[in-house]
Amino acid sequence: MEKLMTRNDVFRQDFIEALMKFSNGQISKEDAEKIALRRLRLTDFSDDSPLAHKGVRWLAKRIVRSMNLIQEVIY
């Protein structure tokens, strides 16, 4: 039987994929999973949180930019 993904699972998976994409492959899937564990552990995904409105891709862009892996993110 297949496990249903929770809302947090979906956010976490999107975050991991965004980290890898916005780093142009400089962040491996393993490293992205480690970053996700640290960064999303205490993250509020409720409807009233700023992250719920800006999204996990916004957070991923900020993290990748802060790591100096990219200068500018193109949408």
Protein backbone atom coordinates (compact mmCIF):
# COMPACT_ATOMS: atom_id res chain seq x y z
CA MET A 1 0.00 0.00 0.00
CA GLU A 2 1.35 3.42 -0.98
CA LYS A 3 1.86 6.01 1.73
CA LEU A 4 -0.08 9.23 1.25
CA MET A 5 2.01 12.36 1.36
CA THR A 6 1.12 14.98 3.92
CA ARG A 7 1.18 18.69 3.21
CA ASN A 8 4.54 18.94 5.00
CA ASP A 9 5.93 16.06 2.90
CA VAL A 10 4.95 17.88 -0.28
CA PHE A 11 6.55 21.14 0.94
CA ARG A 12 9.71 19.27 1.94
CA GLN A 13 9.99 17.54 -1.44
CA ASP A 14 9.43 20.82 -3.33
CA PHE A 15 12.05 22.49 -1.13
CA ILE A 16 14.63 19.77 -1.85
CA GLU A 17 14.01 19.95 -5.59
CA ALA A 18 14.21 23.75 -5.55
CA LEU A 19 17.54 23.70 -3.69
CA MET A 20 19.03 21.41 -6.32
CA LYS A 21 17.55 23.41 -9.21
CA PHE A 22 18.53 26.88 -8.01
CA SER A 23 22.06 25.76 -7.16
CA ASN A 24 22.47 24.49 -10.74
CA GLY A 25 23.36 21.05 -9.42
CA GLN A 26 25.95 22.28 -6.92
CA ILE A 27 23.79 20.97 -4.08
CA SER A 28 23.34 17.20 -4.22
CA LYS A 29 20.10 15.50 -3.28
CA GLU A 30 21.73 14.19 -0.10
CA ASP A 31 22.89 17.68 0.89
CA ALA A 32 19.49 19.15 0.01
CA GLU A 33 17.81 16.60 2.27
CA LYS A 34 20.15 17.57 5.12
CA ILE A 35 19.41 21.26 4.58
CA ALA A 36 15.69 20.48 4.51
CA LEU A 37 15.93 18.62 7.81
CA ARG A 38 17.60 21.60 9.47
CA ARG A 39 15.62 24.40 7.84
CA LEU A 40 12.12 22.94 7.75
CA ARG A 41 12.13 21.19 11.14
CA LEU A 42 10.66 24.17 12.98
CA THR A 43 9.06 25.90 10.02
CA ASP A 44 5.46 26.99 10.32
CA PHE A 45 3.40 25.93 7.30
CA SER A 46 0.09 27.21 8.62
CA ASP A 47 -2.02 29.36 6.34
CA ASP A 48 -1.11 32.51 8.31
CA SER A 49 2.67 32.11 8.07
CA PRO A 50 4.75 34.24 5.68
CA LEU A 51 6.22 31.04 4.21
CA ALA A 52 2.75 29.80 3.29
CA HIS A 53 2.35 32.91 1.13
CA LYS A 54 5.88 33.15 -0.29
CA GLY A 55 6.43 29.40 -0.70
CA VAL A 56 9.28 26.99 -0.19
CA ARG A 57 10.85 27.91 -3.53
CA TRP A 58 11.28 31.47 -2.24
CA LEU A 59 13.02 30.08 0.85
CA ALA A 60 15.22 27.82 -1.29
CA LYS A 61 16.29 30.77 -3.47
CA ARG A 62 17.23 32.78 -0.38
CA ILE A 63 19.26 29.90 1.06
CA VAL A 64 21.08 29.20 -2.20
CA ARG A 65 21.77 32.92 -2.67
CA SER A 66 23.12 33.14 0.90
CA MET A 67 25.51 30.28 0.11
CA ASN A 68 26.89 32.40 -2.76
CA LEU A 69 26.10 29.66 -5.26
CA ILE A 70 24.09 31.99 -7.46
CA GLN A 71 24.10 35.72 -8.01
CA GLU A 72 20.65 36.11 -9.49
CA VAL A 73 17.72 33.76 -9.75
CA ILE A 74 15.85 33.78 -13.03
CA TYR A 75 12.20 32.78 -12.81
